[in-house]
N, C-alpha and C. Protein backbone atom coordinates (compact mmCIF):
# COMPACT_ATOMS: atom_id res chain seq x y z
N PRO A 1 100.05 -47.09 -175.48
CA PRO A 1 100.64 -47.48 -174.19
C PRO A 1 101.08 -46.25 -173.41
N PRO A 2 101.15 -46.35 -172.11
CA PRO A 2 101.59 -45.20 -171.31
C PRO A 2 103.07 -44.92 -171.53
N ILE A 3 103.43 -43.68 -171.35
CA ILE A 3 104.82 -43.27 -171.48
C ILE A 3 105.54 -43.62 -170.18
N ASP A 4 106.69 -44.24 -170.29
CA ASP A 4 107.42 -44.69 -169.11
C ASP A 4 108.86 -44.17 -169.18
N PRO A 5 109.17 -43.08 -168.47
CA PRO A 5 110.52 -42.51 -168.55
C PRO A 5 111.59 -43.36 -167.88
N ILE A 6 111.20 -44.35 -167.10
CA ILE A 6 112.19 -45.20 -166.43
C ILE A 6 112.70 -46.26 -167.40
N ARG A 7 111.79 -47.02 -168.00
CA ARG A 7 112.22 -48.08 -168.93
C ARG A 7 112.61 -47.52 -170.29
N GLU A 8 112.13 -46.34 -170.64
CA GLU A 8 112.43 -45.76 -171.95
C GLU A 8 113.34 -44.54 -171.81
N ASN A 9 114.28 -44.60 -170.85
CA ASN A 9 115.11 -43.43 -170.56
C ASN A 9 116.06 -43.06 -171.70
N SER A 10 116.26 -43.93 -172.66
CA SER A 10 117.13 -43.58 -173.79
C SER A 10 116.42 -42.68 -174.80
N VAL A 11 115.10 -42.65 -174.78
CA VAL A 11 114.36 -41.83 -175.75
C VAL A 11 113.51 -40.74 -175.13
N MET A 12 113.38 -40.73 -173.81
CA MET A 12 112.58 -39.68 -173.18
C MET A 12 113.07 -39.40 -171.77
N SER A 13 112.65 -38.26 -171.25
CA SER A 13 113.07 -37.85 -169.92
C SER A 13 112.01 -36.92 -169.34
N VAL A 14 111.91 -36.91 -168.01
CA VAL A 14 111.02 -35.95 -167.36
C VAL A 14 111.83 -34.83 -166.70
N GLU A 15 113.13 -34.77 -167.00
CA GLU A 15 113.97 -33.69 -166.46
C GLU A 15 113.45 -32.35 -166.95
N ALA A 16 113.63 -31.34 -166.13
CA ALA A 16 113.17 -29.99 -166.49
C ALA A 16 114.25 -28.98 -166.15
N TYR A 17 114.58 -28.14 -167.12
CA TYR A 17 115.48 -27.02 -166.87
C TYR A 17 114.64 -25.82 -166.49
N ILE A 18 115.06 -25.11 -165.44
CA ILE A 18 114.33 -23.91 -165.03
C ILE A 18 115.28 -22.73 -164.99
N GLY A 19 114.72 -21.57 -165.15
CA GLY A 19 115.51 -20.34 -165.11
C GLY A 19 115.39 -19.58 -166.40
N PRO A 20 116.03 -18.43 -166.45
CA PRO A 20 115.95 -17.60 -167.65
C PRO A 20 116.47 -18.33 -168.88
N GLU A 21 115.67 -18.30 -169.94
CA GLU A 21 116.03 -19.00 -171.17
C GLU A 21 116.81 -18.14 -172.14
N GLY A 22 116.48 -16.88 -172.19
CA GLY A 22 117.07 -16.04 -173.22
C GLY A 22 116.38 -16.30 -174.55
N ASN A 23 117.00 -15.87 -175.61
CA ASN A 23 116.46 -16.05 -176.94
C ASN A 23 116.69 -17.49 -177.40
N LEU A 24 115.62 -18.21 -177.71
CA LEU A 24 115.74 -19.60 -178.12
C LEU A 24 116.42 -19.75 -179.48
N LEU A 25 116.49 -18.68 -180.25
CA LEU A 25 117.09 -18.74 -181.58
C LEU A 25 118.59 -18.45 -181.56
N GLU A 26 119.12 -18.11 -180.41
CA GLU A 26 120.55 -17.83 -180.28
C GLU A 26 121.18 -18.85 -179.34
N THR A 27 122.46 -19.09 -179.55
CA THR A 27 123.21 -19.96 -178.65
C THR A 27 124.30 -19.12 -178.00
N LYS A 28 124.15 -18.88 -176.72
CA LYS A 28 125.11 -18.07 -175.97
C LYS A 28 125.48 -18.80 -174.69
N PRO A 29 126.67 -18.53 -174.15
CA PRO A 29 127.07 -19.18 -172.89
C PRO A 29 126.14 -18.86 -171.73
N GLU A 30 125.51 -17.69 -171.73
CA GLU A 30 124.61 -17.31 -170.63
C GLU A 30 123.41 -18.24 -170.53
N GLN A 31 123.05 -18.87 -171.64
CA GLN A 31 121.89 -19.75 -171.65
C GLN A 31 122.17 -21.09 -170.96
N CYS A 32 123.41 -21.36 -170.66
CA CYS A 32 123.77 -22.61 -169.99
C CYS A 32 123.55 -22.53 -168.48
N HIS A 33 123.34 -21.35 -167.97
CA HIS A 33 123.19 -21.17 -166.52
C HIS A 33 121.73 -21.33 -166.13
N ARG A 34 121.29 -22.58 -166.15
CA ARG A 34 119.94 -22.92 -165.74
C ARG A 34 120.02 -24.08 -164.77
N ILE A 35 118.96 -24.30 -164.03
CA ILE A 35 118.94 -25.37 -163.03
C ILE A 35 118.23 -26.58 -163.62
N LEU A 36 118.85 -27.74 -163.47
CA LEU A 36 118.26 -28.99 -163.94
C LEU A 36 117.55 -29.69 -162.78
N LEU A 37 116.26 -29.90 -162.95
CA LEU A 37 115.48 -30.66 -161.97
C LEU A 37 115.23 -32.06 -162.52
N PRO A 38 115.32 -33.10 -161.70
CA PRO A 38 115.07 -34.45 -162.20
C PRO A 38 113.62 -34.65 -162.65
N SER A 39 112.72 -33.80 -162.15
CA SER A 39 111.31 -33.88 -162.51
C SER A 39 110.69 -32.50 -162.26
N PRO A 40 109.66 -32.13 -163.03
CA PRO A 40 109.01 -30.85 -162.75
C PRO A 40 108.15 -30.87 -161.49
N ILE A 41 107.94 -32.06 -160.92
CA ILE A 41 107.19 -32.19 -159.67
C ILE A 41 108.24 -32.28 -158.56
N ILE A 42 108.25 -31.29 -157.67
CA ILE A 42 109.31 -31.23 -156.67
C ILE A 42 108.76 -31.43 -155.26
N THR A 43 109.64 -31.84 -154.37
CA THR A 43 109.26 -32.10 -152.98
C THR A 43 109.30 -30.81 -152.17
N LEU A 44 108.82 -30.89 -150.94
CA LEU A 44 108.86 -29.74 -150.04
C LEU A 44 110.30 -29.31 -149.77
N GLU A 45 111.20 -30.26 -149.63
CA GLU A 45 112.61 -29.94 -149.39
C GLU A 45 113.23 -29.23 -150.58
N GLU A 46 112.91 -29.71 -151.78
CA GLU A 46 113.43 -29.06 -152.99
C GLU A 46 112.88 -27.65 -153.13
N MET A 47 111.61 -27.46 -152.79
CA MET A 47 111.01 -26.12 -152.86
C MET A 47 111.68 -25.20 -151.86
N THR A 48 111.94 -25.68 -150.67
CA THR A 48 112.64 -24.88 -149.66
C THR A 48 114.03 -24.48 -150.17
N ALA A 49 114.72 -25.42 -150.78
CA ALA A 49 116.05 -25.13 -151.33
C ALA A 49 115.96 -24.06 -152.42
N LEU A 50 114.94 -24.14 -153.27
CA LEU A 50 114.79 -23.15 -154.34
C LEU A 50 114.40 -21.78 -153.78
N LYS A 51 113.63 -21.77 -152.71
CA LYS A 51 113.29 -20.49 -152.09
C LYS A 51 114.52 -19.81 -151.52
N ASN A 52 115.49 -20.61 -151.08
CA ASN A 52 116.73 -20.08 -150.50
C ASN A 52 117.90 -20.22 -151.47
N ILE A 53 117.65 -20.13 -152.73
CA ILE A 53 118.67 -20.39 -153.75
C ILE A 53 119.82 -19.38 -153.72
N LYS A 54 119.55 -18.19 -153.22
CA LYS A 54 120.59 -17.16 -153.20
C LYS A 54 121.80 -17.58 -152.37
N SER A 55 121.58 -18.41 -151.35
CA SER A 55 122.70 -18.83 -150.51
C SER A 55 123.67 -19.73 -151.29
N ALA A 56 123.15 -20.51 -152.25
CA ALA A 56 124.01 -21.38 -153.05
C ALA A 56 124.49 -20.71 -154.33
N TYR A 57 123.61 -19.92 -154.94
CA TYR A 57 123.93 -19.21 -156.19
C TYR A 57 123.63 -17.73 -155.99
N PRO A 58 124.64 -16.93 -155.65
CA PRO A 58 124.42 -15.52 -155.32
C PRO A 58 123.76 -14.68 -156.41
N THR A 59 123.89 -15.08 -157.67
CA THR A 59 123.28 -14.29 -158.75
C THR A 59 121.81 -14.65 -158.96
N TRP A 60 121.33 -15.70 -158.30
CA TRP A 60 119.94 -16.11 -158.43
C TRP A 60 119.16 -15.67 -157.20
N GLN A 61 117.97 -15.18 -157.43
CA GLN A 61 117.07 -14.84 -156.33
C GLN A 61 115.69 -15.39 -156.63
N ALA A 62 115.00 -15.80 -155.58
CA ALA A 62 113.63 -16.29 -155.71
C ALA A 62 112.71 -15.37 -154.94
N ARG A 63 111.51 -15.21 -155.44
CA ARG A 63 110.50 -14.43 -154.74
C ARG A 63 109.19 -15.21 -154.73
N THR A 64 108.58 -15.28 -153.56
CA THR A 64 107.29 -15.96 -153.42
C THR A 64 106.19 -14.92 -153.49
N ILE A 65 105.23 -15.18 -154.35
CA ILE A 65 104.07 -14.29 -154.50
C ILE A 65 102.85 -15.02 -153.96
N ASP A 66 102.19 -14.40 -152.99
CA ASP A 66 101.00 -14.95 -152.36
C ASP A 66 99.83 -14.85 -153.33
N ILE A 67 99.16 -15.99 -153.60
CA ILE A 67 98.02 -15.96 -154.51
C ILE A 67 96.69 -16.09 -153.75
N THR A 68 96.69 -15.61 -152.50
CA THR A 68 95.45 -15.59 -151.73
C THR A 68 94.99 -14.15 -151.56
N PHE A 69 93.74 -13.99 -151.16
CA PHE A 69 93.19 -12.66 -150.90
C PHE A 69 92.19 -12.75 -149.76
N PRO A 70 91.90 -11.62 -149.10
CA PRO A 70 90.96 -11.66 -147.96
C PRO A 70 89.56 -12.11 -148.38
N LYS A 71 89.00 -12.98 -147.59
CA LYS A 71 87.68 -13.55 -147.87
C LYS A 71 86.60 -12.47 -147.99
N GLU A 72 86.72 -11.42 -147.18
CA GLU A 72 85.67 -10.39 -147.18
C GLU A 72 85.62 -9.58 -148.47
N PHE A 73 86.65 -9.68 -149.32
CA PHE A 73 86.65 -8.97 -150.60
C PHE A 73 85.67 -9.59 -151.58
N GLY A 74 85.28 -10.84 -151.34
CA GLY A 74 84.30 -11.51 -152.18
C GLY A 74 84.77 -11.71 -153.61
N LEU A 75 83.81 -11.84 -154.51
CA LEU A 75 84.11 -12.09 -155.92
C LEU A 75 84.94 -10.99 -156.58
N PRO A 76 84.68 -9.70 -156.29
CA PRO A 76 85.54 -8.66 -156.89
C PRO A 76 87.00 -8.80 -156.46
N GLY A 77 87.23 -9.37 -155.28
CA GLY A 77 88.59 -9.56 -154.79
C GLY A 77 89.38 -10.55 -155.63
N TYR A 78 88.68 -11.48 -156.29
CA TYR A 78 89.35 -12.47 -157.13
C TYR A 78 90.09 -11.79 -158.28
N LYS A 79 89.40 -10.91 -158.98
CA LYS A 79 90.01 -10.20 -160.12
C LYS A 79 91.12 -9.27 -159.62
N LEU A 80 90.88 -8.58 -158.52
CA LEU A 80 91.91 -7.70 -157.96
C LEU A 80 93.16 -8.48 -157.56
N ALA A 81 92.94 -9.67 -156.98
CA ALA A 81 94.08 -10.49 -156.57
C ALA A 81 94.87 -10.97 -157.79
N LEU A 82 94.19 -11.36 -158.85
CA LEU A 82 94.89 -11.80 -160.06
C LEU A 82 95.69 -10.65 -160.67
N ASP A 83 95.12 -9.45 -160.69
CA ASP A 83 95.85 -8.28 -161.19
C ASP A 83 97.07 -7.98 -160.32
N ARG A 84 96.92 -8.12 -159.00
CA ARG A 84 98.04 -7.88 -158.09
C ARG A 84 99.15 -8.89 -158.32
N VAL A 85 98.79 -10.15 -158.47
CA VAL A 85 99.78 -11.20 -158.68
C VAL A 85 100.54 -10.96 -159.99
N CYS A 86 99.84 -10.58 -161.04
CA CYS A 86 100.50 -10.30 -162.33
C CYS A 86 101.44 -9.11 -162.22
N SER A 87 101.01 -8.06 -161.53
CA SER A 87 101.89 -6.88 -161.40
C SER A 87 103.09 -7.19 -160.50
N GLU A 88 102.91 -8.02 -159.47
CA GLU A 88 104.05 -8.41 -158.63
C GLU A 88 105.04 -9.26 -159.42
N ALA A 89 104.54 -10.10 -160.32
CA ALA A 89 105.43 -10.91 -161.16
C ALA A 89 106.25 -10.02 -162.08
N THR A 90 105.62 -9.03 -162.68
CA THR A 90 106.34 -8.09 -163.55
C THR A 90 107.38 -7.32 -162.75
N GLN A 91 107.01 -6.86 -161.57
CA GLN A 91 107.94 -6.11 -160.72
C GLN A 91 109.11 -7.00 -160.30
N SER A 92 108.84 -8.27 -160.06
CA SER A 92 109.90 -9.20 -159.68
C SER A 92 110.95 -9.31 -160.77
N ILE A 93 110.51 -9.42 -162.01
CA ILE A 93 111.45 -9.50 -163.13
C ILE A 93 112.25 -8.21 -163.23
N ASP A 94 111.58 -7.08 -163.06
CA ASP A 94 112.27 -5.78 -163.11
C ASP A 94 113.30 -5.66 -161.98
N ASP A 95 113.05 -6.35 -160.86
CA ASP A 95 113.97 -6.34 -159.72
C ASP A 95 115.11 -7.34 -159.88
N GLY A 96 115.13 -8.10 -160.97
CA GLY A 96 116.20 -9.06 -161.21
C GLY A 96 115.97 -10.44 -160.63
N ILE A 97 114.76 -10.74 -160.23
CA ILE A 97 114.42 -12.05 -159.69
C ILE A 97 114.43 -13.08 -160.83
N LYS A 98 114.98 -14.26 -160.58
CA LYS A 98 115.04 -15.30 -161.61
C LYS A 98 114.07 -16.45 -161.36
N VAL A 99 113.53 -16.56 -160.14
CA VAL A 99 112.58 -17.63 -159.81
C VAL A 99 111.38 -17.01 -159.12
N ILE A 100 110.21 -17.14 -159.74
CA ILE A 100 108.97 -16.66 -159.14
C ILE A 100 108.18 -17.88 -158.68
N ILE A 101 107.75 -17.84 -157.42
CA ILE A 101 106.98 -18.94 -156.84
C ILE A 101 105.59 -18.41 -156.51
N LEU A 102 104.58 -18.97 -157.15
CA LEU A 102 103.19 -18.62 -156.85
C LEU A 102 102.71 -19.58 -155.77
N SER A 103 102.36 -19.05 -154.60
CA SER A 103 102.06 -19.91 -153.45
C SER A 103 100.69 -19.61 -152.84
N ASP A 104 99.98 -20.68 -152.50
CA ASP A 104 98.70 -20.54 -151.79
C ASP A 104 98.81 -20.99 -150.33
N ARG A 105 100.01 -20.96 -149.78
CA ARG A 105 100.23 -21.41 -148.39
C ARG A 105 99.56 -20.53 -147.35
N GLU A 106 99.20 -19.31 -147.69
CA GLU A 106 98.54 -18.41 -146.74
C GLU A 106 97.04 -18.64 -146.64
N THR A 107 96.54 -19.66 -147.33
CA THR A 107 95.12 -20.00 -147.27
C THR A 107 94.72 -20.30 -145.84
N GLY A 108 93.59 -19.77 -145.43
CA GLY A 108 93.11 -20.00 -144.07
C GLY A 108 91.67 -19.58 -143.95
N PRO A 109 91.14 -19.51 -142.73
CA PRO A 109 89.73 -19.14 -142.53
C PRO A 109 89.39 -17.76 -143.07
N SER A 110 90.35 -16.84 -143.09
CA SER A 110 90.05 -15.48 -143.56
C SER A 110 90.69 -15.17 -144.91
N ARG A 111 91.43 -16.12 -145.50
CA ARG A 111 92.07 -15.89 -146.80
C ARG A 111 91.68 -17.00 -147.78
N VAL A 112 91.29 -16.59 -148.96
CA VAL A 112 90.83 -17.51 -150.01
C VAL A 112 91.88 -17.51 -151.12
N PRO A 113 92.23 -18.70 -151.65
CA PRO A 113 93.22 -18.73 -152.72
C PRO A 113 92.60 -18.54 -154.10
N LEU A 114 93.38 -17.94 -154.98
CA LEU A 114 93.04 -17.99 -156.40
C LEU A 114 93.23 -19.43 -156.83
N SER A 115 92.57 -19.84 -157.87
CA SER A 115 92.85 -21.15 -158.44
C SER A 115 94.31 -21.12 -158.90
N ALA A 116 95.08 -22.14 -158.56
CA ALA A 116 96.48 -22.20 -158.97
C ALA A 116 96.59 -22.18 -160.48
N LEU A 117 95.64 -22.79 -161.15
CA LEU A 117 95.64 -22.82 -162.61
C LEU A 117 95.39 -21.43 -163.19
N VAL A 118 94.44 -20.71 -162.62
CA VAL A 118 94.15 -19.34 -163.08
C VAL A 118 95.35 -18.44 -162.82
N ALA A 119 95.95 -18.54 -161.64
CA ALA A 119 97.10 -17.71 -161.30
C ALA A 119 98.28 -18.02 -162.21
N CYS A 120 98.58 -19.29 -162.41
CA CYS A 120 99.71 -19.69 -163.24
C CYS A 120 99.49 -19.26 -164.70
N GLY A 121 98.35 -19.59 -165.25
CA GLY A 121 98.05 -19.22 -166.63
C GLY A 121 97.98 -17.72 -166.82
N GLY A 122 97.40 -17.02 -165.83
CA GLY A 122 97.31 -15.56 -165.92
C GLY A 122 98.67 -14.90 -165.90
N VAL A 123 99.53 -15.33 -164.99
CA VAL A 123 100.88 -14.76 -164.91
C VAL A 123 101.67 -15.12 -166.16
N HIS A 124 101.58 -16.36 -166.60
CA HIS A 124 102.31 -16.79 -167.80
C HIS A 124 101.95 -15.92 -169.00
N HIS A 125 100.66 -15.77 -169.25
CA HIS A 125 100.24 -14.99 -170.42
C HIS A 125 100.50 -13.49 -170.24
N HIS A 126 100.41 -13.01 -169.02
CA HIS A 126 100.74 -11.61 -168.75
C HIS A 126 102.21 -11.35 -169.08
N LEU A 127 103.09 -12.26 -168.66
CA LEU A 127 104.52 -12.08 -168.94
C LEU A 127 104.83 -12.28 -170.42
N VAL A 128 104.12 -13.19 -171.08
CA VAL A 128 104.31 -13.38 -172.52
C VAL A 128 103.94 -12.10 -173.26
N SER A 129 102.82 -11.49 -172.87
CA SER A 129 102.38 -10.27 -173.56
C SER A 129 103.36 -9.11 -173.34
N GLN A 130 104.10 -9.15 -172.24
CA GLN A 130 105.11 -8.11 -171.98
C GLN A 130 106.50 -8.51 -172.48
N LYS A 131 106.59 -9.68 -173.11
CA LYS A 131 107.86 -10.21 -173.63
C LYS A 131 108.90 -10.40 -172.52
N LYS A 132 108.44 -10.89 -171.36
CA LYS A 132 109.33 -11.10 -170.22
C LYS A 132 109.30 -12.54 -169.71
N ARG A 133 108.51 -13.40 -170.32
CA ARG A 133 108.34 -14.75 -169.78
C ARG A 133 109.63 -15.56 -169.79
N ALA A 134 110.48 -15.40 -170.80
CA ALA A 134 111.71 -16.20 -170.89
C ALA A 134 112.79 -15.74 -169.92
N LYS A 135 112.51 -14.69 -169.15
CA LYS A 135 113.50 -14.16 -168.21
C LYS A 135 113.40 -14.76 -166.81
N VAL A 136 112.44 -15.65 -166.59
CA VAL A 136 112.18 -16.12 -165.23
C VAL A 136 111.65 -17.55 -165.23
N ALA A 137 111.92 -18.25 -164.13
CA ALA A 137 111.30 -19.56 -163.89
C ALA A 137 110.01 -19.33 -163.13
N LEU A 138 108.94 -19.95 -163.56
CA LEU A 138 107.64 -19.81 -162.91
C LEU A 138 107.28 -21.12 -162.23
N MET A 139 107.21 -21.08 -160.89
CA MET A 139 106.93 -22.28 -160.12
C MET A 139 105.64 -22.09 -159.33
N VAL A 140 104.96 -23.19 -159.05
CA VAL A 140 103.70 -23.14 -158.33
C VAL A 140 103.80 -24.03 -157.10
N GLU A 141 103.47 -23.45 -155.95
CA GLU A 141 103.41 -24.18 -154.69
C GLU A 141 101.94 -24.17 -154.26
N THR A 142 101.27 -25.32 -154.41
CA THR A 142 99.83 -25.33 -154.22
C THR A 142 99.33 -26.59 -153.52
N ALA A 143 98.25 -26.43 -152.79
CA ALA A 143 97.56 -27.57 -152.18
C ALA A 143 96.46 -28.07 -153.11
N GLU A 144 96.21 -27.33 -154.16
CA GLU A 144 95.11 -27.64 -155.08
C GLU A 144 95.43 -28.84 -155.97
N ALA A 145 96.68 -29.00 -156.35
CA ALA A 145 97.07 -30.09 -157.26
C ALA A 145 97.24 -31.38 -156.47
N ARG A 146 96.34 -32.33 -156.71
CA ARG A 146 96.40 -33.59 -155.97
C ARG A 146 96.41 -34.82 -156.89
N GLU A 147 96.11 -34.63 -158.14
CA GLU A 147 96.08 -35.75 -159.08
C GLU A 147 97.03 -35.47 -160.24
N VAL A 148 97.40 -36.51 -160.95
CA VAL A 148 98.32 -36.38 -162.07
C VAL A 148 97.78 -35.37 -163.09
N HIS A 149 96.50 -35.42 -163.34
CA HIS A 149 95.90 -34.50 -164.32
C HIS A 149 96.09 -33.05 -163.90
N HIS A 150 95.91 -32.75 -162.61
CA HIS A 150 96.10 -31.39 -162.12
C HIS A 150 97.52 -30.91 -162.40
N LEU A 151 98.50 -31.77 -162.15
CA LEU A 151 99.90 -31.41 -162.36
C LEU A 151 100.18 -31.18 -163.84
N CYS A 152 99.64 -32.05 -164.68
CA CYS A 152 99.86 -31.92 -166.13
C CYS A 152 99.25 -30.64 -166.68
N VAL A 153 98.07 -30.28 -166.20
CA VAL A 153 97.43 -29.06 -166.68
C VAL A 153 98.22 -27.83 -166.23
N LEU A 154 98.72 -27.83 -164.99
CA LEU A 154 99.55 -26.71 -164.53
C LEU A 154 100.80 -26.56 -165.40
N LEU A 155 101.43 -27.67 -165.73
CA LEU A 155 102.60 -27.61 -166.61
C LEU A 155 102.22 -27.07 -167.99
N GLY A 156 101.06 -27.49 -168.48
CA GLY A 156 100.59 -27.00 -169.78
C GLY A 156 100.24 -25.52 -169.77
N TYR A 157 99.87 -25.00 -168.62
CA TYR A 157 99.50 -23.59 -168.51
C TYR A 157 100.69 -22.69 -168.17
N GLY A 158 101.90 -23.25 -168.13
CA GLY A 158 103.08 -22.41 -168.01
C GLY A 158 103.96 -22.62 -166.81
N ALA A 159 103.62 -23.52 -165.89
CA ALA A 159 104.48 -23.76 -164.73
C ALA A 159 105.73 -24.51 -165.17
N ASP A 160 106.87 -24.09 -164.65
CA ASP A 160 108.11 -24.81 -164.92
C ASP A 160 108.31 -25.94 -163.90
N ALA A 161 107.79 -25.77 -162.70
CA ALA A 161 107.87 -26.79 -161.66
C ALA A 161 106.70 -26.60 -160.69
N ILE A 162 106.32 -27.68 -160.04
CA ILE A 162 105.16 -27.65 -159.13
C ILE A 162 105.52 -28.38 -157.85
N CYS A 163 105.14 -27.79 -156.72
CA CYS A 163 105.29 -28.44 -155.42
C CYS A 163 103.88 -28.61 -154.84
N PRO A 164 103.31 -29.81 -154.95
CA PRO A 164 101.99 -30.06 -154.35
C PRO A 164 102.14 -30.29 -152.86
N TRP A 165 102.02 -29.26 -152.06
CA TRP A 165 102.38 -29.33 -150.66
C TRP A 165 101.38 -30.00 -149.74
N LEU A 166 100.17 -30.23 -150.17
CA LEU A 166 99.17 -30.82 -149.27
C LEU A 166 99.33 -32.32 -149.18
C-alpha cells in the first residue's frame, strides 16, 4: 500500500531538518540549531524566505549558485559548468554559508541549465569527498522537477529540500 503521512502520522513524517548536521555520532547543543521544514518540497514563498534567512537568523546565510552556462560553450561547457558549481559550493562552505541553493532560474535563450539531478548529485558527492557535506543544507530550485518521481530522485541524490518553480 502507498505510504500516507497524513493518516499514519503517528509512525511516519515527511518533515525535514535542514542545516549543518555536525558529527552524527556526537550529541551537542550546536546540533539543535537546524531548520524544520514541514516537507522537503517547498513553495516559492518558502524558498524566498530561505534565500533571505539572514534577516531572521543573523548567523545563517544562504547563497544561490547558478547551474546554467552559456549555450555557445556547447558540450564542453557542461563539464566546465559542473566543475564551477562544485568549486562554488566548496567556497561557500569556506565562507561560512549554511544554505546552498542550486538554481536554474537563469535558463533562457542563451543559457542552458545543467540537469538538476547531475548538479545536485555532483555537488553532494564532491562535498562528501571533501568531508564538508554535513556542514551545509543543499537545496535545489529547478523547473526540471515536475513529477513525484523527479522529486524523489533529487532527494535520493542529496537534496535536503526542493522548490519546483515551474
